Structure formats: structure tokens, C-alpha cells
Amino acid sequence: MTKKIGWLGERICLLCAVLFCGLICLQSGRSALGKLWFVAAAGLVCAAAVVVLALKYWRLSDRGTDLAIFALRFVLAMAVILVIGGQPVQDFDTMYRAAQDLAQGGRGYLDQIYFYNWAYQTGFVAYEALILKLFGPGQLALQVVNALCLGGIGVLVRRIAGKLMPRRAAAALSLLYALYPAPYFLAGVLTNQHLATLFFYLAFYLLVREEKLTWPVALTAGCLIALGNAARPIGIVLVLAALCWRVIRLLLSGGRDWKGELANLAGVAGGFFLLFALLSNLVIWTGLNPEGLTNNQPMWKFVLGFNQESDGCWNRSDYENYLSLPTQEADEAMREVVRERLGAGPVKLAGLAVRKSAVMWGQDEYMFWGFGHLNGARKLGPLTVDQYTQVLSRGDKGVYLLAFALALLGAAALLRRGTGGGPALLLTFLVCGYYAVHLIVEVQSRYRYFMMPAVFLLAGVGLTALLERCSRTNK
């Protein structure tokens, strides 16, 4: 009975992954057929060629592959930083100015309502202030750390891939991810996504590195998730994915070693909640923010996420109607409007979910963050800057579409044969959990940054299934 429950839980998760990836493929494919469709097609063909050539000719050892991937991602990121540069805008500008103030010993940023409403941003401000204190004023040092994070994430993708697929397929997959353009569009942007994603996937790697997970490793992984969460508060998704993975793994094994699994569950959850609580209190004790790392406007993302008119995106109407109110009144008003919007009925809510999926996962990358500081009308050769960015986003779409097509194949292969409770199940829980969360909160294409390494890893599973099918056919 225990194994049957585990089998059912595993299959439900895998079925959701198939449905989510299938919908994203349809929405992305429809988007790819729009303006400059031939550029998207060229991007897809080039990405496929990279995979084929890597499978055929890649001969480096695992260590050599790691070094090559790190160097490639770091160099590409630095090229974008040095050529394109970056200019902090919106929240990133607010946090950067606060970091400059903090690095000089000031606390003037605490006068802004922003750091009361979203006190959790103080963690990233403290990180930026530390870099500015160590290396002096200016954005370059922060951008170099961005590039280092991008290189590190690439290595982690390769190492996790090595636990999911044969060596050469892992190398091809990690090279494909290293050439995926979208992360480089944010290389010069002072976003908290780079640092947080590095910590999250380092935790992911620790969880799957060895066949048998021990509680000290689980505890360390939980602490790493807490560090990532202090930079960008989405760590609970990875914690829940890890807990679901271990529970289903335990059920699939028939309940063997339940004491060890209980220790692992306690390690991940305990490491996460205890260290994050400590970090939050440390922010209070040091005077960085009397609110710690709390979120004093927890309903805001849901207000946006359930807005039918804006398809779950940020909009000025909600901003002016709710965030202009005093804090307590704003919270009550937002809770009321969320209840009202939830009362739209299942048909309208389902339609909103599909539209939100199209906005977040189907559309091209939003190029404003990395390129908005440039003069879009400036001519560089035959094209303007805006036209070049359109070509870049269309080429990115081709690589993106190939990744999701292979991920769909991977999810379908896992649904057919099962995961055995292995690392692929954690990967699937992570993909499904992150996708599901963004059916109810605010969406924008930038937020898919965190999930894309997991999508490429799932694509690697699909690539392996495709290679196995070809091998059987040729025999």
C-alpha cells in the first residue's frame, strides 16, 4: 500500500510536468511564429547543432568540462557587462542606492516605506554594501560577481546533469545551457537573481550528489537555501520540493529507513528555517532594518497575480489604489480585493492561469532590464539598437523552445518508466512547484531565470531518452 501511494504521488507530479511543459511548448511555439520567426528558427537550429556536435566531438574530462563551462559563461557575461553596461532601474536602483548609503555608514534608506513594506530586500542590500565597501564605489565589482555567479551556476548545472544522464549527454546539455542567451541579458543588471540562484542550485547539487543523503548534508543544503532566500525570497519552493521528494522516495521504498529520512527532512527544513530566522534577527540586531527580513505586504503579489485585466502583471492602477494607503489599511484593502478576485469563478480563474502562463513562459524575454539604458534609436550599421535587441530576443526564443521541447520529452519518458525516487523526481517537483506558484502570484518573464537551469536539466533527460530510442532503432 505504501509503495502504491508513492507511485501515485510520483505519477501525479510527472503528469503535471508533462502538462506544464506541453502548454509552454504550445505557447512558446505560437510566440515564435510571430515577428522575425526565421530568427527564432535559426536559434533553434543552431542550438540543436551545438547539441549534436557536442555529443559527437566533446572529449574533455568532467573537470575540464567544468572549467570550460565556467570560463565560457564568465567571459560571455563580462563581454556583455563591458560592452553593454547597465543602469539600475526601479527596485534595483532603490536597493543599489540603499547599498551605497549603507557602505558609507548611513541608514537613510530606512526612511523609505519600501524598506518597511519589503524589509526582506535588506539582505541583498547588505550584500551589495559589503561588495562596495570591499572594492569601492561603482557597479563594476557587483557586475563581476554577477559574472562569477553565472559561471558557477553553469558548473552546477553540469554536475547535477552528471547525476541524471550519461557523461557526454551531460556535457552537451551543460554546453547548451551555457550558450542560452537569456541569463546574459541580465549580466549587467544589479538583480538579486544571480546570487540567489547560485545558492539554490548549490543546495540542489548537495541533495543529489550522493546516492544516500545524510542529515549533515541535508542540514547544509537547508542552510544554503536560507542564504539564497535572504537574497531572493523563493527558497520555500525548493524546501517544499525537497521535502516532497524525500517523502515520495520513502514511500516508494516501502518505508525503509524512515528514521534516516525523518532526519533528512528535519535537516533541510530545520537548516532553512533556523538559519533564515538567525539572519533576520541579525539584520535587526545590527540595525540594518528593525523589521528584519520580513514581508509586511504579503498580499501585494496576490493582488497583482489575480488581476484579470493585467493578466497577473504589475500595473499602475493596483499600485495607486493599494500601496498609496497607510500600511494597515493597505493590507486590509488588499485582502479584500484578493477575496473579490478569487470569487471570479473557476472558468475565469482558469482562463487567467492560461494567460499568465503565456505571459511568463510563452513570451520573449523582456529586454528592458539589460538594455533599457541604451538609446534604442541609435544606428549601429544597418540596424538600430532596438532592432538588435529584437533579433537577440528572437534568437533566444529558439534555444528556449528547444529546451522546453526536450524537457517535455524528458517528463514524458519519466512518466512512462518512473524515477525510482532519484534526483529526477526532485527536479520535477521543483519545476512543477515553481510553475504552480506563478499561477497565483505576479508574473513577468524575468522571473523564469531561476527555473531555467532545472528546465535544461529536464531537457537533458529528454535528450538521453531520445538517444536511447535512436540507439535501439539502429540495432
Protein backbone atom coordinates (compact mmCIF):
# COMPACT_ATOMS: atom_id res chain seq x y z
CA MET A 1 0.00 0.00 0.00
CA THR A 2 2.83 2.38 0.90
CA LYS A 3 4.55 1.79 -2.45
CA LYS A 4 1.27 2.36 -4.30
CA ILE A 5 0.80 5.73 -2.61
CA GLY A 6 4.37 6.68 -3.51
CA TRP A 7 3.84 5.53 -7.11
CA LEU A 8 0.66 7.62 -7.34
CA GLY A 9 2.37 10.72 -5.92
CA GLU A 10 5.27 10.32 -8.33
CA ARG A 11 2.98 9.88 -11.34
CA ILE A 12 0.83 12.89 -10.43
CA CYS A 13 3.94 15.08 -10.25
CA LEU A 14 5.27 13.74 -13.55
CA LEU A 15 1.91 14.15 -15.26
CA CYS A 16 1.78 17.78 -14.12
CA ALA A 17 5.28 18.29 -15.55
CA VAL A 18 4.15 16.87 -18.90
CA LEU A 19 1.09 19.14 -18.95
CA PHE A 20 3.04 22.24 -17.92
CA CYS A 21 5.85 21.66 -20.43
CA GLY A 22 3.33 20.84 -23.15
CA LEU A 23 1.39 24.06 -22.56
CA ILE A 24 4.60 26.10 -22.52
CA CYS A 25 5.73 24.49 -25.78
CA LEU A 26 2.43 25.42 -27.41
CA GLN A 27 2.53 28.99 -26.09
CA SER A 28 6.22 29.47 -26.93
CA GLY A 29 5.76 27.92 -30.36
CA ARG A 30 2.90 30.27 -31.11
CA SER A 31 5.01 33.22 -30.00
CA ALA A 32 7.97 32.01 -32.09
CA LEU A 33 5.82 32.12 -35.23
CA GLY A 34 5.36 35.86 -34.86
CA LYS A 35 7.65 38.68 -35.95
CA LEU A 36 11.13 37.60 -37.12
CA TRP A 37 10.12 33.93 -36.91
CA PHE A 38 13.09 32.95 -39.06
CA VAL A 39 15.50 34.28 -36.39
CA ALA A 40 13.81 32.09 -33.78
CA ALA A 41 14.05 29.15 -36.20
CA ALA A 42 17.74 29.86 -36.75
CA GLY A 43 18.27 29.96 -32.99
CA LEU A 44 16.60 26.57 -32.61
CA VAL A 45 18.66 25.04 -35.44
CA CYS A 46 21.91 26.44 -34.04
CA ALA A 47 21.07 25.14 -30.56
CA ALA A 48 20.33 21.69 -31.98
CA ALA A 49 23.63 21.79 -33.91
CA VAL A 50 25.52 22.61 -30.68
CA VAL A 51 24.00 19.54 -29.02
CA VAL A 52 24.78 17.23 -31.96
CA LEU A 53 28.37 18.48 -32.30
CA ALA A 54 29.00 18.24 -28.55
CA LEU A 55 27.68 14.68 -28.46
CA LYS A 56 29.97 13.75 -31.32
CA TYR A 57 33.17 15.64 -30.58
CA TRP A 58 33.29 16.66 -26.90
CA ARG A 59 36.24 14.86 -25.31
CA LEU A 60 37.08 16.84 -22.17
CA SER A 61 37.06 15.21 -18.75
CA ASP A 62 34.46 16.21 -16.19
CA ARG A 63 36.91 18.64 -14.60
CA GLY A 64 37.88 20.03 -17.98
CA THR A 65 34.22 20.45 -18.87
CA ASP A 66 33.60 22.31 -15.62
CA LEU A 67 36.48 24.68 -16.31
CA ALA A 68 35.39 25.22 -19.91
CA ILE A 69 31.77 25.91 -18.93
CA PHE A 70 32.80 28.30 -16.17
CA ALA A 71 35.21 30.17 -18.44
CA LEU A 72 32.68 30.38 -21.28
CA ARG A 73 29.88 31.75 -19.12
CA PHE A 74 32.18 34.15 -17.26
CA VAL A 75 33.71 35.53 -20.46
CA LEU A 76 30.33 35.94 -22.17
CA ALA A 77 28.90 37.68 -19.10
CA MET A 78 31.89 40.00 -18.83
CA ALA A 79 31.64 40.82 -22.53
CA VAL A 80 28.02 41.88 -22.05
CA ILE A 81 28.95 43.88 -18.94
CA LEU A 82 31.84 45.70 -20.59
CA VAL A 83 30.15 46.32 -23.95
CA ILE A 84 26.53 46.90 -22.92
CA GLY A 85 26.93 48.00 -19.30
CA GLY A 86 23.86 48.52 -17.17
CA GLN A 87 21.86 51.13 -15.34
CA PRO A 88 19.88 50.22 -12.17
CA VAL A 89 16.18 50.95 -12.51
CA GLN A 90 13.08 50.56 -10.33
CA ASP A 91 13.67 48.19 -7.38
CA PHE A 92 17.28 47.56 -8.41
CA ASP A 93 18.00 51.29 -8.29
CA THR A 94 16.34 51.59 -4.87
CA MET A 95 18.44 48.74 -3.47
CA TYR A 96 21.66 49.99 -5.06
CA ARG A 97 21.20 53.48 -3.61
CA ALA A 98 20.48 51.94 -0.21
CA ALA A 99 23.66 49.84 -0.51
CA GLN A 100 25.68 52.96 -1.31
CA ASP A 101 24.23 54.63 1.78
CA LEU A 102 24.93 51.58 3.96
CA ALA A 103 28.50 51.20 2.65
CA GLN A 104 29.17 54.76 3.81
CA GLY A 105 27.77 54.00 7.27
CA GLY A 106 24.37 55.63 6.73
CA ARG A 107 20.88 54.33 7.44
CA GLY A 108 18.91 56.89 5.45
CA TYR A 109 17.30 54.18 3.35
CA LEU A 110 15.24 53.17 6.39
CA ASP A 111 13.22 56.36 5.94
CA GLN A 112 11.72 54.87 2.77
CA ILE A 113 8.45 52.98 3.09
CA TYR A 114 9.90 50.49 0.59
CA PHE A 115 12.20 49.02 3.26
CA TYR A 116 9.31 48.67 5.67
CA ASN A 117 6.94 47.04 3.22
CA TRP A 118 9.59 44.71 1.78
CA ALA A 119 12.15 44.51 4.53
CA TYR A 120 13.38 41.20 3.10
CA GLN A 121 15.25 43.19 0.44
CA THR A 122 17.65 44.33 3.17
CA GLY A 123 19.59 41.08 2.86
CA PHE A 124 20.56 41.81 -0.72
CA VAL A 125 21.27 45.45 0.15
CA ALA A 126 23.72 44.26 2.84
CA TYR A 127 25.45 42.01 0.29
CA GLU A 128 25.79 44.88 -2.20
CA ALA A 129 27.05 47.20 0.54
CA LEU A 130 29.72 44.64 1.52
CA ILE A 131 30.97 44.45 -2.08
CA LEU A 132 31.01 48.25 -2.34
CA LYS A 133 32.87 48.50 0.98
CA LEU A 134 35.49 45.98 -0.14
CA PHE A 135 36.03 47.16 -3.71
CA GLY A 136 34.96 50.77 -3.70
CA PRO A 137 32.06 52.65 -5.33
CA GLY A 138 30.63 51.86 -8.72
CA GLN A 139 28.72 48.99 -10.26
CA LEU A 140 31.60 47.08 -11.84
CA ALA A 141 32.56 44.97 -8.81
CA LEU A 142 28.91 43.92 -8.35
CA GLN A 143 28.68 43.08 -12.04
CA VAL A 144 31.88 40.99 -11.89
CA VAL A 145 30.33 39.00 -9.04
CA ASN A 146 27.29 38.55 -11.29
CA ALA A 147 29.59 37.04 -13.92
CA LEU A 148 31.20 34.75 -11.33
CA CYS A 149 27.73 33.61 -10.25
CA LEU A 150 26.79 32.90 -13.86
CA GLY A 151 29.92 30.79 -14.26
CA GLY A 152 29.23 28.93 -11.02
CA ILE A 153 25.63 28.17 -11.98
CA GLY A 154 26.87 26.69 -15.26
CA VAL A 155 29.24 24.35 -13.39
CA LEU A 156 26.45 23.28 -11.03
CA VAL A 157 24.20 22.50 -14.00
CA ARG A 158 26.94 20.26 -15.42
CA ARG A 159 27.49 18.49 -12.11
CA ILE A 160 23.80 17.92 -11.46
CA ALA A 161 23.41 16.73 -15.05
CA GLY A 162 26.13 14.16 -14.34
CA LYS A 163 23.80 12.59 -11.76
CA LEU A 164 20.91 12.37 -14.22
CA MET A 165 22.39 11.27 -17.54
CA PRO A 166 25.47 9.80 -19.25
CA ARG A 167 28.64 11.83 -19.23
CA ARG A 168 28.58 13.02 -22.85
CA ALA A 169 24.90 13.94 -22.70
CA ALA A 170 25.63 15.92 -19.50
CA ALA A 171 28.42 17.80 -21.29
CA ALA A 172 26.20 18.56 -24.30
CA LEU A 173 23.36 19.72 -22.07
CA SER A 174 25.59 21.96 -19.96
CA LEU A 175 27.12 23.48 -23.10
CA LEU A 176 23.64 24.19 -24.45
CA TYR A 177 22.71 25.93 -21.20
CA ALA A 178 25.99 27.87 -21.27
CA LEU A 179 25.01 29.25 -24.70
CA TYR A 180 21.41 30.02 -23.69
CA PRO A 181 21.31 33.82 -24.19
CA ALA A 182 18.71 34.98 -21.64
CA PRO A 183 20.88 34.96 -18.47
CA TYR A 184 23.44 37.18 -20.19
CA PHE A 185 20.76 39.81 -20.84
CA LEU A 186 20.79 40.31 -17.06
CA ALA A 187 24.58 40.06 -16.59
CA GLY A 188 24.99 43.80 -16.04
CA VAL A 189 21.76 44.17 -14.06
CA LEU A 190 22.04 44.50 -10.29
CA THR A 191 19.39 41.87 -9.73
CA ASN A 192 19.27 39.52 -6.75
CA GLN A 193 18.60 36.58 -9.07
CA HIS A 194 22.22 35.68 -9.84
CA LEU A 195 23.38 35.24 -6.25
CA ALA A 196 20.17 33.54 -5.07
CA THR A 197 20.14 31.06 -7.96
CA LEU A 198 23.77 30.12 -7.26
CA PHE A 199 22.94 29.26 -3.64
CA PHE A 200 19.76 27.40 -4.58
CA TYR A 201 21.42 25.15 -7.16
CA LEU A 202 24.40 24.55 -4.88
CA ALA A 203 21.86 23.23 -2.37
CA PHE A 204 20.23 21.17 -5.13
CA TYR A 205 23.63 19.69 -6.02
CA LEU A 206 24.36 18.72 -2.41
CA LEU A 207 20.99 16.97 -2.16
CA VAL A 208 21.65 14.77 -5.22
CA ARG A 209 25.45 14.42 -5.11
CA GLU A 210 25.45 11.08 -3.28
CA GLU A 211 23.01 8.19 -3.60
CA LYS A 212 22.45 8.17 0.17
CA LEU A 213 21.59 11.54 1.69
CA THR A 214 22.80 12.12 5.26
CA TRP A 215 21.36 14.61 7.71
CA PRO A 216 24.53 16.80 7.90
CA VAL A 217 24.37 17.24 4.11
CA ALA A 218 20.61 17.86 4.30
CA LEU A 219 21.23 20.46 7.02
CA THR A 220 23.91 22.17 4.90
CA ALA A 221 21.54 22.22 1.91
CA GLY A 222 18.83 23.79 4.05
CA CYS A 223 21.28 26.48 5.19
CA LEU A 224 22.29 27.22 1.60
CA ILE A 225 18.63 27.61 0.65
CA ALA A 226 18.26 30.05 3.55
CA LEU A 227 21.22 32.10 2.25
CA GLY A 228 19.63 32.19 -1.20
CA ASN A 229 16.31 33.11 0.36
CA ALA A 230 17.93 36.07 2.12
CA ALA A 231 18.81 37.39 -1.34
CA ARG A 232 15.55 36.43 -3.08
CA PRO A 233 12.66 35.01 -1.02
CA ILE A 234 11.65 31.99 -3.09
CA GLY A 235 13.56 29.39 -1.11
CA ILE A 236 10.39 27.84 0.30
CA VAL A 237 9.69 26.40 -3.18
CA LEU A 238 12.95 24.45 -3.12
CA VAL A 239 12.39 23.38 0.50
CA LEU A 240 8.92 22.04 -0.28
CA ALA A 241 10.22 20.32 -3.43
CA ALA A 242 12.97 18.64 -1.39
CA LEU A 243 10.55 17.54 1.33
CA CYS A 244 8.06 16.13 -1.19
CA TRP A 245 10.90 14.32 -2.94
CA ARG A 246 12.12 12.63 0.23
CA VAL A 247 8.59 11.67 1.31
CA ILE A 248 7.75 10.08 -2.06
CA ARG A 249 11.17 8.40 -2.12
CA LEU A 250 10.45 6.94 1.32
CA LEU A 251 7.03 5.69 0.21
CA LEU A 252 8.46 4.15 -2.97
CA SER A 253 10.98 2.23 -0.87
CA GLY A 254 8.17 0.75 1.23
CA GLY A 255 9.07 2.82 4.30
CA ARG A 256 12.63 1.53 4.66
CA ASP A 257 15.00 3.69 6.74
CA TRP A 258 12.20 6.00 7.84
CA LYS A 259 14.32 7.27 10.73
CA GLY A 260 17.07 8.36 8.35
CA GLU A 261 14.57 10.06 6.06
CA LEU A 262 12.97 11.82 9.00
CA ALA A 263 16.41 13.14 9.93
CA ASN A 264 16.92 14.33 6.35
CA LEU A 265 13.56 16.10 6.33
CA ALA A 266 14.37 17.75 9.64
CA GLY A 267 17.82 18.72 8.32
CA VAL A 268 16.54 20.50 5.21
CA ALA A 269 13.61 22.22 6.93
CA GLY A 270 15.49 22.95 10.15
CA GLY A 271 18.55 24.32 8.37
CA PHE A 272 16.38 26.58 6.25
CA PHE A 273 14.07 27.98 8.93
CA LEU A 274 16.66 28.27 11.71
CA LEU A 275 19.34 29.98 9.64
CA PHE A 276 16.85 32.31 7.98
CA ALA A 277 15.45 33.26 11.41
CA LEU A 278 19.01 33.90 12.60
CA LEU A 279 19.77 36.06 9.55
CA SER A 280 16.55 38.01 10.05
CA ASN A 281 17.40 38.66 13.69
CA LEU A 282 20.95 39.58 12.73
CA VAL A 283 19.54 42.27 10.45
CA ILE A 284 17.58 43.62 13.44
CA TRP A 285 20.47 43.39 15.93
CA THR A 286 22.89 45.20 13.61
CA GLY A 287 20.42 47.99 12.94
CA LEU A 288 20.20 47.24 9.22
CA ASN A 289 16.42 47.09 9.45
CA PRO A 290 14.23 46.91 12.58
CA GLU A 291 11.79 44.74 10.59
CA GLY A 292 14.38 42.03 9.90
CA LEU A 293 13.83 40.12 6.66
CA THR A 294 10.04 40.14 6.82
CA ASN A 295 7.44 40.87 4.18
CA ASN A 296 4.99 43.42 5.58
CA GLN A 297 2.87 43.46 2.44
CA PRO A 298 2.40 39.72 1.80
CA MET A 299 -0.81 40.21 -0.19
CA TRP A 300 0.67 42.50 -2.84
CA LYS A 301 1.93 39.72 -5.14
CA PHE A 302 -1.51 38.07 -4.95
CA VAL A 303 -3.31 41.34 -5.70
CA LEU A 304 -1.31 41.55 -8.90
CA GLY A 305 -1.46 37.83 -9.60
CA PHE A 306 -5.27 37.70 -9.58
CA ASN A 307 -5.81 40.85 -11.66
CA GLN A 308 -7.78 39.72 -14.71
CA GLU A 309 -7.27 42.96 -16.62
CA SER A 310 -3.46 42.99 -16.36
CA ASP A 311 -3.13 39.19 -16.79
CA GLY A 312 -1.36 38.96 -13.45
CA CYS A 313 1.30 41.57 -14.26
CA TRP A 314 2.35 44.69 -12.37
CA ASN A 315 0.00 47.56 -13.14
CA ARG A 316 -0.19 51.18 -12.01
CA SER A 317 -3.88 51.02 -11.10
CA ASP A 318 -3.29 48.47 -8.31
CA TYR A 319 -0.18 50.32 -7.22
CA GLU A 320 -2.01 53.62 -6.81
CA ASN A 321 -5.13 52.05 -5.28
CA TYR A 322 -3.41 49.99 -2.58
CA LEU A 323 0.24 50.84 -1.94
CA SER A 324 -0.62 54.54 -1.55
CA LEU A 325 -2.70 53.66 1.54
CA PRO A 326 -1.30 53.52 5.10
CA THR A 327 0.21 50.08 5.79
CA GLN A 328 -2.59 48.59 7.89
CA GLU A 329 -5.31 49.94 5.63
CA ALA A 330 -3.42 48.70 2.59
CA ASP A 331 -3.17 45.17 3.98
CA GLU A 332 -6.90 45.02 4.77
CA ALA A 333 -7.83 46.51 1.39
CA MET A 334 -5.59 44.04 -0.44
CA ARG A 335 -7.03 41.06 1.41
CA GLU A 336 -10.49 42.22 0.44
CA VAL A 337 -9.64 42.65 -3.24
CA VAL A 338 -7.94 39.23 -3.34
CA ARG A 339 -11.11 37.64 -1.94
CA GLU A 340 -13.13 39.53 -4.53
CA ARG A 341 -10.89 38.44 -7.39
CA LEU A 342 -10.91 34.83 -6.21
CA GLY A 343 -14.69 34.99 -6.47
CA ALA A 344 -14.48 35.42 -10.24
CA GLY A 345 -15.33 31.73 -10.64
CA PRO A 346 -13.34 28.68 -11.84
CA VAL A 347 -13.74 29.39 -15.55
CA LYS A 348 -12.35 32.93 -15.36
CA LEU A 349 -9.60 31.88 -12.95
CA ALA A 350 -8.58 29.04 -15.25
CA GLY A 351 -8.51 31.45 -18.19
CA LEU A 352 -6.36 33.84 -16.16
CA ALA A 353 -3.95 30.99 -15.31
CA VAL A 354 -3.53 30.14 -19.00
CA ARG A 355 -2.94 33.79 -19.91
CA LYS A 356 -0.44 34.18 -17.08
CA SER A 357 1.41 31.13 -18.34
CA ALA A 358 1.59 32.73 -21.78
CA VAL A 359 2.94 35.99 -20.30
CA MET A 360 5.59 34.39 -18.13
CA TRP A 361 6.59 31.34 -20.14
CA GLY A 362 5.39 31.96 -23.69
CA GLN A 363 6.55 35.49 -24.46
CA ASP A 364 10.05 36.60 -25.50
CA GLU A 365 12.45 37.84 -22.87
CA TYR A 366 11.71 41.41 -21.73
CA MET A 367 14.85 43.28 -22.77
CA PHE A 368 14.23 46.47 -20.78
CA TRP A 369 16.24 45.42 -17.71
CA GLY A 370 19.53 44.87 -19.52
CA PHE A 371 19.17 47.21 -22.49
CA GLY A 372 16.70 49.92 -21.42
CA HIS A 373 19.51 52.38 -20.63
CA LEU A 374 20.65 52.39 -24.26
CA ASN A 375 19.41 54.78 -26.95
CA GLY A 376 17.14 52.44 -28.89
CA ALA A 377 17.01 54.68 -31.94
CA ARG A 378 20.78 54.80 -32.36
CA LYS A 379 22.01 53.25 -35.62
CA LEU A 380 24.79 50.66 -35.45
CA GLY A 381 25.42 49.61 -39.00
CA PRO A 382 22.25 48.50 -40.80
CA LEU A 383 20.09 48.24 -37.66
CA THR A 384 19.10 50.34 -34.66
CA VAL A 385 19.82 49.24 -31.09
CA ASP A 386 16.16 48.31 -30.63
CA GLN A 387 16.27 46.14 -33.74
CA TYR A 388 19.38 44.35 -32.49
CA THR A 389 17.67 43.59 -29.18
CA GLN A 390 14.66 42.20 -31.07
CA VAL A 391 16.97 39.88 -33.01
CA LEU A 392 18.63 38.77 -29.76
CA SER A 393 15.31 38.03 -28.08
CA ARG A 394 14.08 36.11 -31.13
CA GLY A 395 17.28 34.03 -31.28
CA ASP A 396 16.91 33.33 -27.57
CA LYS A 397 13.38 32.08 -28.25
CA GLY A 398 14.74 29.31 -30.49
CA VAL A 399 17.08 27.96 -27.79
CA TYR A 400 14.30 28.30 -25.22
CA LEU A 401 11.84 26.38 -27.39
CA LEU A 402 14.31 23.53 -27.96
CA ALA A 403 14.92 23.30 -24.21
CA PHE A 404 11.21 23.01 -23.42
CA ALA A 405 10.60 20.55 -26.27
CA LEU A 406 13.33 18.27 -24.88
CA ALA A 407 12.02 18.85 -21.33
CA LEU A 408 8.58 17.71 -22.47
CA LEU A 409 10.18 14.58 -23.92
CA GLY A 410 12.08 14.06 -20.66
CA ALA A 411 8.97 14.43 -18.50
CA ALA A 412 7.08 12.01 -20.76
CA ALA A 413 9.93 9.47 -20.57
CA LEU A 414 9.96 9.70 -16.77
CA LEU A 415 6.18 9.31 -16.65
CA ARG A 416 6.48 6.14 -18.69
CA ARG A 417 9.32 4.49 -16.74
CA GLY A 418 9.31 6.27 -13.37
CA THR A 419 12.14 7.95 -11.49
CA GLY A 420 12.81 5.35 -8.80
CA GLY A 421 12.73 8.24 -6.35
CA GLY A 422 16.03 9.53 -7.75
CA PRO A 423 17.25 13.10 -8.42
CA ALA A 424 14.94 13.44 -11.44
CA LEU A 425 11.97 13.41 -9.07
CA LEU A 426 13.37 16.36 -7.08
CA LEU A 427 13.94 18.16 -10.37
CA THR A 428 10.34 17.52 -11.41
CA PHE A 429 8.91 18.70 -8.09
CA LEU A 430 10.96 21.88 -8.42
CA VAL A 431 9.71 22.59 -11.95
CA CYS A 432 6.07 21.86 -11.05
CA GLY A 433 6.20 23.82 -7.80
CA TYR A 434 7.71 26.94 -9.33
CA TYR A 435 5.31 26.86 -12.26
CA ALA A 436 2.31 26.40 -9.95
CA VAL A 437 3.32 29.26 -7.65
CA HIS A 438 3.33 31.65 -10.59
CA LEU A 439 -0.23 30.74 -11.44
CA ILE A 440 -1.29 32.69 -8.34
CA VAL A 441 1.29 35.46 -7.90
CA GLU A 442 2.57 38.28 -10.12
CA VAL A 443 4.30 37.20 -13.32
CA GLN A 444 6.95 38.61 -15.65
CA SER A 445 9.39 36.85 -17.94
CA ARG A 446 12.38 37.81 -15.78
CA TYR A 447 11.10 35.51 -13.02
CA ARG A 448 11.73 32.38 -15.09
CA TYR A 449 15.50 32.84 -14.58
CA PHE A 450 15.52 30.60 -11.50
CA MET A 451 13.70 27.69 -13.13
CA MET A 452 15.59 27.58 -16.43
CA PRO A 453 18.56 25.51 -15.17
CA ALA A 454 16.02 22.93 -13.97
CA VAL A 455 14.28 23.02 -17.36
CA PHE A 456 17.57 22.42 -19.15
CA LEU A 457 18.32 19.52 -16.79
CA LEU A 458 14.94 18.02 -17.58
CA ALA A 459 15.78 18.63 -21.23
CA GLY A 460 18.90 16.54 -20.67
CA VAL A 461 16.70 13.68 -19.51
CA GLY A 462 14.73 14.09 -22.74
CA LEU A 463 17.93 14.16 -24.79
CA THR A 464 19.06 10.92 -23.13
CA ALA A 465 15.69 9.27 -23.87
CA LEU A 466 15.98 10.39 -27.50
CA LEU A 467 19.50 8.97 -27.79
CA GLU A 468 18.36 5.67 -26.29
CA ARG A 469 15.48 5.49 -28.76
CA CYS A 470 17.84 6.17 -31.68
CA SER A 471 20.28 3.55 -30.40
CA ARG A 472 17.55 0.88 -30.21
CA THR A 473 16.29 1.82 -33.68
CA ASN A 474 19.77 1.47 -35.23
CA LYS A 475 20.36 -2.02 -33.79
